[in-house]
């Protein structure tokens, strides 16, 4: 898809999930259009070589392909969470409150707060909690115990699926992410990837949902291969 088709596709998916979750009266709601516009501006930033509109399209495709066929699973909660999950990247300065000064928080936490803020203004506190919980699950420094809902575990796994992809795509993803961090030299970026890959490889399970657990071995193999290549590059 080109940029315009991505935008059209994503808006239709966004509006459908918004309306299904919040009610048909919100179909033409200015908030629906306005929030999508804000999200699109964030994801379409020219530095978003990986975490951009195509990442959303790919995450939605995985949701469609692997969604559990059970009435209890809130697909639209997961879908809204996908739209919010990478709204912000890196450390973000948290607005001050009466109790604390300015302080940086992670991109996932900032994205979860943004989701909760938007959905709370729609008088949907339960939806706000569910969606923000799913977004927080994409903070891959946390453990599965923090996120007990099936939707949160599923969104976590959709976001990490790239680790289990074909080796060529795994490498392409790393290259695209590298381009998002021009402020770091190659050594600093490599150190960050090694630390992340090691942390993932040391997990007993990379994927938390029963749907994605079949991909654990493929992800582990990719991570070990990548770590070995970084090691070989240092020795060379």
C-alpha atoms as a PDB file:
ATOM      1  CA  UNK A   1       0.000   0.000   0.000  1.00  0.00           C
ATOM      2  CA  UNK A   2       1.137   3.526  -0.666  1.00  0.00           C
ATOM      3  CA  UNK A   3       0.810   6.284   1.928  1.00  0.00           C
ATOM      4  CA  UNK A   4      -2.664   7.469   0.880  1.00  0.00           C
ATOM      5  CA  UNK A   5      -4.045   3.929   0.736  1.00  0.00           C
ATOM      6  CA  UNK A   6      -2.523   3.160   4.125  1.00  0.00           C
ATOM      7  CA  UNK A   7      -4.187   6.233   5.583  1.00  0.00           C
ATOM      8  CA  UNK A   8      -7.569   5.389   4.066  1.00  0.00           C
ATOM      9  CA  UNK A   9      -7.353   1.770   5.177  1.00  0.00           C
ATOM     10  CA  UNK A  10      -6.270   2.668   8.695  1.00  0.00           C
ATOM     11  CA  UNK A  11      -8.959   5.303   9.118  1.00  0.00           C
ATOM     12  CA  UNK A  12     -11.688   2.842   8.140  1.00  0.00           C
ATOM     13  CA  UNK A  13     -10.347   0.281  10.602  1.00  0.00           C
ATOM     14  CA  UNK A  14      -9.996   2.943  13.306  1.00  0.00           C
ATOM     15  CA  UNK A  15     -13.536   4.248  12.810  1.00  0.00           C
ATOM     16  CA  UNK A  16     -15.027   0.742  12.781  1.00  0.00           C
ATOM     17  CA  UNK A  17     -13.286  -0.189  16.047  1.00  0.00           C
ATOM     18  CA  UNK A  18     -14.197   3.176  17.585  1.00  0.00           C
ATOM     19  CA  UNK A  19     -17.878   2.848  16.656  1.00  0.00           C
ATOM     20  CA  UNK A  20     -18.147  -0.812  17.667  1.00  0.00           C
ATOM     21  CA  UNK A  21     -16.560  -0.122  21.041  1.00  0.00           C
ATOM     22  CA  UNK A  22     -18.139   3.230  21.891  1.00  0.00           C
ATOM     23  CA  UNK A  23     -21.462   2.978  20.053  1.00  0.00           C
ATOM     24  CA  UNK A  24     -22.935   3.995  16.704  1.00  0.00           C
ATOM     25  CA  UNK A  25     -23.688   7.499  17.956  1.00  0.00           C
ATOM     26  CA  UNK A  26     -19.954   8.177  17.758  1.00  0.00           C
ATOM     27  CA  UNK A  27     -19.675   7.315  14.044  1.00  0.00           C
ATOM     28  CA  UNK A  28     -19.438  10.949  12.946  1.00  0.00           C
ATOM     29  CA  UNK A  29     -17.959  12.165  16.184  1.00  0.00           C
ATOM     30  CA  UNK A  30     -15.334  14.886  15.731  1.00  0.00           C
ATOM     31  CA  UNK A  31     -13.275  13.193  18.428  1.00  0.00           C
ATOM     32  CA  UNK A  32     -13.000  10.045  16.303  1.00  0.00           C
ATOM     33  CA  UNK A  33     -11.674  12.001  13.346  1.00  0.00           C
ATOM     34  CA  UNK A  34      -9.496  14.290  15.442  1.00  0.00           C
ATOM     35  CA  UNK A  35      -7.771  11.532  17.413  1.00  0.00           C
ATOM     36  CA  UNK A  36      -7.067   9.600  14.233  1.00  0.00           C
ATOM     37  CA  UNK A  37      -5.548  12.754  12.758  1.00  0.00           C
ATOM     38  CA  UNK A  38      -3.263  13.084  15.770  1.00  0.00           C
ATOM     39  CA  UNK A  39      -2.258   9.417  15.597  1.00  0.00           C
ATOM     40  CA  UNK A  40      -1.608   9.611  11.871  1.00  0.00           C
ATOM     41  CA  UNK A  41       0.629  12.652  12.321  1.00  0.00           C
ATOM     42  CA  UNK A  42       2.651  10.771  14.931  1.00  0.00           C
ATOM     43  CA  UNK A  43       3.019   7.556  12.960  1.00  0.00           C
ATOM     44  CA  UNK A  44       3.654   9.276   9.624  1.00  0.00           C
ATOM     45  CA  UNK A  45       6.670  11.180  10.945  1.00  0.00           C
ATOM     46  CA  UNK A  46       9.512  10.847   8.440  1.00  0.00           C
ATOM     47  CA  UNK A  47      11.778   9.215  11.043  1.00  0.00           C
ATOM     48  CA  UNK A  48       9.280   6.392  11.602  1.00  0.00           C
ATOM     49  CA  UNK A  49      11.006   3.899   9.310  1.00  0.00           C
ATOM     50  CA  UNK A  50       9.616   0.911  11.229  1.00  0.00           C
ATOM     51  CA  UNK A  51       7.140   2.181  13.830  1.00  0.00           C
ATOM     52  CA  UNK A  52       5.026   3.943  11.223  1.00  0.00           C
ATOM     53  CA  UNK A  53       1.763   3.340   9.351  1.00  0.00           C
ATOM     54  CA  UNK A  54       3.004   0.087   7.799  1.00  0.00           C
ATOM     55  CA  UNK A  55       3.657  -1.308  11.283  1.00  0.00           C
ATOM     56  CA  UNK A  56       0.009  -0.636  12.149  1.00  0.00           C
ATOM     57  CA  UNK A  57      -1.134  -2.327   8.931  1.00  0.00           C
ATOM     58  CA  UNK A  58       1.008  -5.376   9.712  1.00  0.00           C
ATOM     59  CA  UNK A  59      -0.211  -5.553  13.321  1.00  0.00           C
ATOM     60  CA  UNK A  60      -3.841  -5.398  12.177  1.00  0.00           C
ATOM     61  CA  UNK A  61      -3.148  -8.167   9.638  1.00  0.00           C
ATOM     62  CA  UNK A  62      -1.780 -10.365  12.433  1.00  0.00           C
ATOM     63  CA  UNK A  63      -4.820  -9.570  14.551  1.00  0.00           C
ATOM     64  CA  UNK A  64      -7.125 -10.619  11.708  1.00  0.00           C
ATOM     65  CA  UNK A  65      -5.135 -13.783  11.033  1.00  0.00           C
ATOM     66  CA  UNK A  66      -4.709 -15.031  14.579  1.00  0.00           C
ATOM     67  CA  UNK A  67      -7.654 -13.552  16.503  1.00  0.00           C
ATOM     68  CA  UNK A  68      -9.105 -16.152  18.881  1.00  0.00           C
ATOM     69  CA  UNK A  69     -12.465 -17.478  17.743  1.00  0.00           C
ATOM     70  CA  UNK A  70     -14.155 -16.944  21.076  1.00  0.00           C
ATOM     71  CA  UNK A  71     -16.949 -14.486  21.926  1.00  0.00           C
ATOM     72  CA  UNK A  72     -15.130 -13.475  25.104  1.00  0.00           C
ATOM     73  CA  UNK A  73     -12.164 -11.984  23.235  1.00  0.00           C
ATOM     74  CA  UNK A  74     -12.487  -8.237  22.731  1.00  0.00           C
ATOM     75  CA  UNK A  75     -11.078  -7.833  19.238  1.00  0.00           C
ATOM     76  CA  UNK A  76     -12.026  -4.162  19.074  1.00  0.00           C
ATOM     77  CA  UNK A  77     -10.272  -3.459  22.373  1.00  0.00           C
ATOM     78  CA  UNK A  78      -7.139  -5.050  20.924  1.00  0.00           C
ATOM     79  CA  UNK A  79      -7.597  -3.102  17.700  1.00  0.00           C
ATOM     80  CA  UNK A  80      -7.846   0.277  19.440  1.00  0.00           C
ATOM     81  CA  UNK A  81      -4.786  -0.643  21.490  1.00  0.00           C
ATOM     82  CA  UNK A  82      -2.806  -1.382  18.329  1.00  0.00           C
ATOM     83  CA  UNK A  83      -3.536   2.120  17.086  1.00  0.00           C
ATOM     84  CA  UNK A  84      -2.323   3.687  20.327  1.00  0.00           C
ATOM     85  CA  UNK A  85       0.578   1.379  21.228  1.00  0.00           C
ATOM     86  CA  UNK A  86       3.426   3.255  19.495  1.00  0.00           C
ATOM     87  CA  UNK A  87       1.929   6.729  19.484  1.00  0.00           C
ATOM     88  CA  UNK A  88       5.006   7.895  21.396  1.00  0.00           C
ATOM     89  CA  UNK A  89       8.516   6.470  21.266  1.00  0.00           C
ATOM     90  CA  UNK A  90      11.501   6.767  23.559  1.00  0.00           C
ATOM     91  CA  UNK A  91      11.416   8.776  26.754  1.00  0.00           C
ATOM     92  CA  UNK A  92       8.613  11.325  26.912  1.00  0.00           C
ATOM     93  CA  UNK A  93       8.393  14.144  29.434  1.00  0.00           C
ATOM     94  CA  UNK A  94       5.362  13.598  31.638  1.00  0.00           C
ATOM     95  CA  UNK A  95       3.290  16.705  32.308  1.00  0.00           C
ATOM     96  CA  UNK A  96       3.723  17.950  35.873  1.00  0.00           C
ATOM     97  CA  UNK A  97       1.043  17.359  38.454  1.00  0.00           C
ATOM     98  CA  UNK A  98       0.496  18.961  41.836  1.00  0.00           C
ATOM     99  CA  UNK A  99       2.468  16.091  43.356  1.00  0.00           C
ATOM    100  CA  UNK A 100       5.473  15.705  41.077  1.00  0.00           C
ATOM    101  CA  UNK A 101       7.802  17.661  38.858  1.00  0.00           C
ATOM    102  CA  UNK A 102       8.472  17.014  35.185  1.00  0.00           C
ATOM    103  CA  UNK A 103       9.913  13.555  34.662  1.00  0.00           C
ATOM    104  CA  UNK A 104      10.527  11.301  31.669  1.00  0.00           C
ATOM    105  CA  UNK A 105       8.432   8.182  31.140  1.00  0.00           C
ATOM    106  CA  UNK A 106       8.728   5.487  28.514  1.00  0.00           C
ATOM    107  CA  UNK A 107       6.968   5.729  25.176  1.00  0.00           C
ATOM    108  CA  UNK A 108       4.631   2.847  25.995  1.00  0.00           C
ATOM    109  CA  UNK A 109       3.576   4.450  29.262  1.00  0.00           C
ATOM    110  CA  UNK A 110       3.015   7.781  27.502  1.00  0.00           C
ATOM    111  CA  UNK A 111       0.986   6.049  24.783  1.00  0.00           C
ATOM    112  CA  UNK A 112      -1.112   4.256  27.413  1.00  0.00           C
ATOM    113  CA  UNK A 113      -1.792   7.536  29.220  1.00  0.00           C
ATOM    114  CA  UNK A 114      -2.805   9.125  25.930  1.00  0.00           C
ATOM    115  CA  UNK A 115      -5.215   6.262  25.198  1.00  0.00           C
ATOM    116  CA  UNK A 116      -6.693   6.441  28.683  1.00  0.00           C
ATOM    117  CA  UNK A 117      -7.103  10.213  28.439  1.00  0.00           C
ATOM    118  CA  UNK A 118      -8.847  10.052  25.050  1.00  0.00           C
ATOM    119  CA  UNK A 119     -11.208   7.230  25.950  1.00  0.00           C
ATOM    120  CA  UNK A 120     -12.018   8.617  29.386  1.00  0.00           C
ATOM    121  CA  UNK A 121     -13.305  11.802  27.758  1.00  0.00           C
ATOM    122  CA  UNK A 122     -15.749   9.592  25.822  1.00  0.00           C
ATOM    123  CA  UNK A 123     -17.298   8.509  29.127  1.00  0.00           C
ATOM    124  CA  UNK A 124     -15.895   5.024  28.677  1.00  0.00           C
ATOM    125  CA  UNK A 125     -13.700   4.403  31.734  1.00  0.00           C
ATOM    126  CA  UNK A 126     -13.838   0.617  31.384  1.00  0.00           C
ATOM    127  CA  UNK A 127     -12.721   0.769  27.764  1.00  0.00           C
ATOM    128  CA  UNK A 128     -10.008   3.255  28.755  1.00  0.00           C
ATOM    129  CA  UNK A 129      -8.648   0.818  31.352  1.00  0.00           C
ATOM    130  CA  UNK A 130      -8.780  -2.148  28.968  1.00  0.00           C
ATOM    131  CA  UNK A 131      -7.078  -0.364  26.092  1.00  0.00           C
ATOM    132  CA  UNK A 132      -4.390   1.293  28.218  1.00  0.00           C
ATOM    133  CA  UNK A 133      -3.638  -2.078  29.835  1.00  0.00           C
ATOM    134  CA  UNK A 134      -3.071  -3.546  26.359  1.00  0.00           C
ATOM    135  CA  UNK A 135      -0.810  -0.647  25.395  1.00  0.00           C
ATOM    136  CA  UNK A 136       1.235  -1.034  28.585  1.00  0.00           C
ATOM    137  CA  UNK A 137       1.715  -4.703  27.689  1.00  0.00           C
ATOM    138  CA  UNK A 138       3.882  -3.615  24.749  1.00  0.00           C
ATOM    139  CA  UNK A 139       6.467  -2.345  27.227  1.00  0.00           C
ATOM    140  CA  UNK A 140       8.658  -5.405  26.830  1.00  0.00           C
ATOM    141  CA  UNK A 141      10.579  -4.762  30.033  1.00  0.00           C
ATOM    142  CA  UNK A 142       7.581  -6.033  31.987  1.00  0.00           C
ATOM    143  CA  UNK A 143       6.398  -9.555  32.748  1.00  0.00           C
ATOM    144  CA  UNK A 144       3.201 -11.362  31.834  1.00  0.00           C
ATOM    145  CA  UNK A 145       1.994 -11.208  35.433  1.00  0.00           C
ATOM    146  CA  UNK A 146       1.287  -7.496  34.957  1.00  0.00           C
ATOM    147  CA  UNK A 147      -1.252  -8.149  32.195  1.00  0.00           C
ATOM    148  CA  UNK A 148      -3.850 -10.804  32.888  1.00  0.00           C
ATOM    149  CA  UNK A 149      -6.359 -10.051  30.138  1.00  0.00           C
ATOM    150  CA  UNK A 150      -6.308 -12.125  26.933  1.00  0.00           C
ATOM    151  CA  UNK A 151      -6.385  -8.951  24.861  1.00  0.00           C
ATOM    152  CA  UNK A 152      -3.264  -7.548  26.559  1.00  0.00           C
ATOM    153  CA  UNK A 153      -1.320 -10.777  26.113  1.00  0.00           C
ATOM    154  CA  UNK A 154      -2.395 -10.907  22.475  1.00  0.00           C
ATOM    155  CA  UNK A 155      -1.381  -7.311  21.700  1.00  0.00           C
ATOM    156  CA  UNK A 156       1.985  -7.950  23.368  1.00  0.00           C
ATOM    157  CA  UNK A 157       2.554 -10.941  21.098  1.00  0.00           C
ATOM    158  CA  UNK A 158       1.416  -9.171  17.936  1.00  0.00           C
ATOM    159  CA  UNK A 159       3.940  -6.418  18.636  1.00  0.00           C
ATOM    160  CA  UNK A 160       6.779  -8.926  19.149  1.00  0.00           C
ATOM    161  CA  UNK A 161       5.906 -11.192  16.231  1.00  0.00           C
ATOM    162  CA  UNK A 162       8.722  -9.621  14.170  1.00  0.00           C
ATOM    163  CA  UNK A 163      11.186 -11.562  16.334  1.00  0.00           C
ATOM    164  CA  UNK A 164       9.831 -14.832  14.908  1.00  0.00           C
ATOM    165  CA  UNK A 165       9.676 -13.674  11.305  1.00  0.00           C
ATOM    166  CA  UNK A 166      11.810 -15.054   8.491  1.00  0.00           C
ATOM    167  CA  UNK A 167      15.471 -14.207   9.005  1.00  0.00           C
ATOM    168  CA  UNK A 168      15.521 -11.798   6.068  1.00  0.00           C
ATOM    169  CA  UNK A 169      12.561  -9.878   7.463  1.00  0.00           C
ATOM    170  CA  UNK A 170      14.045  -9.997  10.973  1.00  0.00           C
ATOM    171  CA  UNK A 171      17.201  -8.317   9.627  1.00  0.00           C
ATOM    172  CA  UNK A 172      15.176  -5.806   7.610  1.00  0.00           C
ATOM    173  CA  UNK A 173      13.253  -4.841  10.745  1.00  0.00           C
ATOM    174  CA  UNK A 174      16.496  -4.240  12.641  1.00  0.00           C
ATOM    175  CA  UNK A 175      17.774  -2.070   9.775  1.00  0.00           C
ATOM    176  CA  UNK A 176      14.545  -0.024   9.710  1.00  0.00           C
ATOM    177  CA  UNK A 177      14.674   0.485  13.469  1.00  0.00           C
ATOM    178  CA  UNK A 178      18.320   1.554  13.150  1.00  0.00           C
ATOM    179  CA  UNK A 179      17.234   4.380  10.844  1.00  0.00           C
ATOM    180  CA  UNK A 180      14.852   5.674  13.526  1.00  0.00           C
ATOM    181  CA  UNK A 181      17.746   6.469  15.867  1.00  0.00           C
ATOM    182  CA  UNK A 182      20.191   8.655  13.914  1.00  0.00           C
ATOM    183  CA  UNK A 183      21.283  10.286  17.182  1.00  0.00           C
ATOM    184  CA  UNK A 184      23.196   7.102  18.110  1.00  0.00           C
ATOM    185  CA  UNK A 185      26.362   5.870  16.431  1.00  0.00           C
ATOM    186  CA  UNK A 186      26.549   2.270  15.255  1.00  0.00           C
ATOM    187  CA  UNK A 187      28.277   1.038  18.412  1.00  0.00           C
ATOM    188  CA  UNK A 188      25.714   2.574  20.737  1.00  0.00           C
ATOM    189  CA  UNK A 189      22.817   1.246  18.674  1.00  0.00           C
ATOM    190  CA  UNK A 190      24.352  -2.232  18.553  1.00  0.00           C
ATOM    191  CA  UNK A 191      24.798  -2.202  22.331  1.00  0.00           C
ATOM    192  CA  UNK A 192      21.120  -1.393  22.749  1.00  0.00           C
ATOM    193  CA  UNK A 193      20.011  -4.151  20.387  1.00  0.00           C
ATOM    194  CA  UNK A 194      22.287  -6.691  22.060  1.00  0.00           C
ATOM    195  CA  UNK A 195      20.847  -5.834  25.472  1.00  0.00           C
ATOM    196  CA  UNK A 196      17.287  -6.128  24.157  1.00  0.00           C
ATOM    197  CA  UNK A 197      17.935  -9.359  22.259  1.00  0.00           C
ATOM    198  CA  UNK A 198      19.642 -10.908  25.299  1.00  0.00           C
ATOM    199  CA  UNK A 199      16.740  -9.967  27.545  1.00  0.00           C
ATOM    200  CA  UNK A 200      14.263 -11.521  25.119  1.00  0.00           C
ATOM    201  CA  UNK A 201      16.374 -14.651  24.596  1.00  0.00           C
ATOM    202  CA  UNK A 202      16.620 -15.230  28.357  1.00  0.00           C
ATOM    203  CA  UNK A 203      12.883 -15.307  28.795  1.00  0.00           C
ATOM    204  CA  UNK A 204      11.389 -18.763  29.357  1.00  0.00           C
ATOM    205  CA  UNK A 205       8.716 -17.707  26.881  1.00  0.00           C
ATOM    206  CA  UNK A 206       8.878 -14.791  24.494  1.00  0.00           C
ATOM    207  CA  UNK A 207       5.208 -14.992  23.590  1.00  0.00           C
ATOM    208  CA  UNK A 208       2.566 -15.041  26.306  1.00  0.00           C
ATOM    209  CA  UNK A 209      -0.652 -16.107  24.587  1.00  0.00           C
ATOM    210  CA  UNK A 210      -1.490 -19.685  23.675  1.00  0.00           C
ATOM    211  CA  UNK A 211      -2.056 -18.515  20.093  1.00  0.00           C
ATOM    212  CA  UNK A 212       1.505 -17.296  19.626  1.00  0.00           C
ATOM    213  CA  UNK A 213       3.436 -19.756  21.804  1.00  0.00           C
ATOM    214  CA  UNK A 214       4.117 -21.863  18.687  1.00  0.00           C
ATOM    215  CA  UNK A 215       6.481 -19.093  17.520  1.00  0.00           C
ATOM    216  CA  UNK A 216       8.771 -19.197  20.557  1.00  0.00           C
ATOM    217  CA  UNK A 217      11.345 -21.493  18.955  1.00  0.00           C
ATOM    218  CA  UNK A 218      11.593 -19.411  15.777  1.00  0.00           C
ATOM    219  CA  UNK A 219      12.060 -16.222  17.791  1.00  0.00           C
ATOM    220  CA  UNK A 220      14.717 -17.810  20.003  1.00  0.00           C
ATOM    221  CA  UNK A 221      16.603 -19.035  16.936  1.00  0.00           C
ATOM    222  CA  UNK A 222      16.566 -15.561  15.350  1.00  0.00           C
ATOM    223  CA  UNK A 223      17.728 -13.916  18.560  1.00  0.00           C
ATOM    224  CA  UNK A 224      20.596 -16.353  19.044  1.00  0.00           C
ATOM    225  CA  UNK A 225      21.671 -15.923  15.426  1.00  0.00           C
ATOM    226  CA  UNK A 226      21.573 -12.134  15.724  1.00  0.00           C
ATOM    227  CA  UNK A 227      23.564 -12.192  18.960  1.00  0.00           C
ATOM    228  CA  UNK A 228      26.145 -14.467  17.352  1.00  0.00           C
ATOM    229  CA  UNK A 229      26.480 -12.093  14.388  1.00  0.00           C
ATOM    230  CA  UNK A 230      27.040  -9.160  16.742  1.00  0.00           C
ATOM    231  CA  UNK A 231      29.671 -11.231  18.565  1.00  0.00           C
ATOM    232  CA  UNK A 232      31.385 -12.204  15.316  1.00  0.00           C
ATOM    233  CA  UNK A 233      31.424  -8.560  14.225  1.00  0.00           C
ATOM    234  CA  UNK A 234      33.206  -7.569  17.445  1.00  0.00           C
ATOM    235  CA  UNK A 235      35.810 -10.311  16.987  1.00  0.00           C
ATOM    236  CA  UNK A 236      36.305  -9.347  13.343  1.00  0.00           C
END
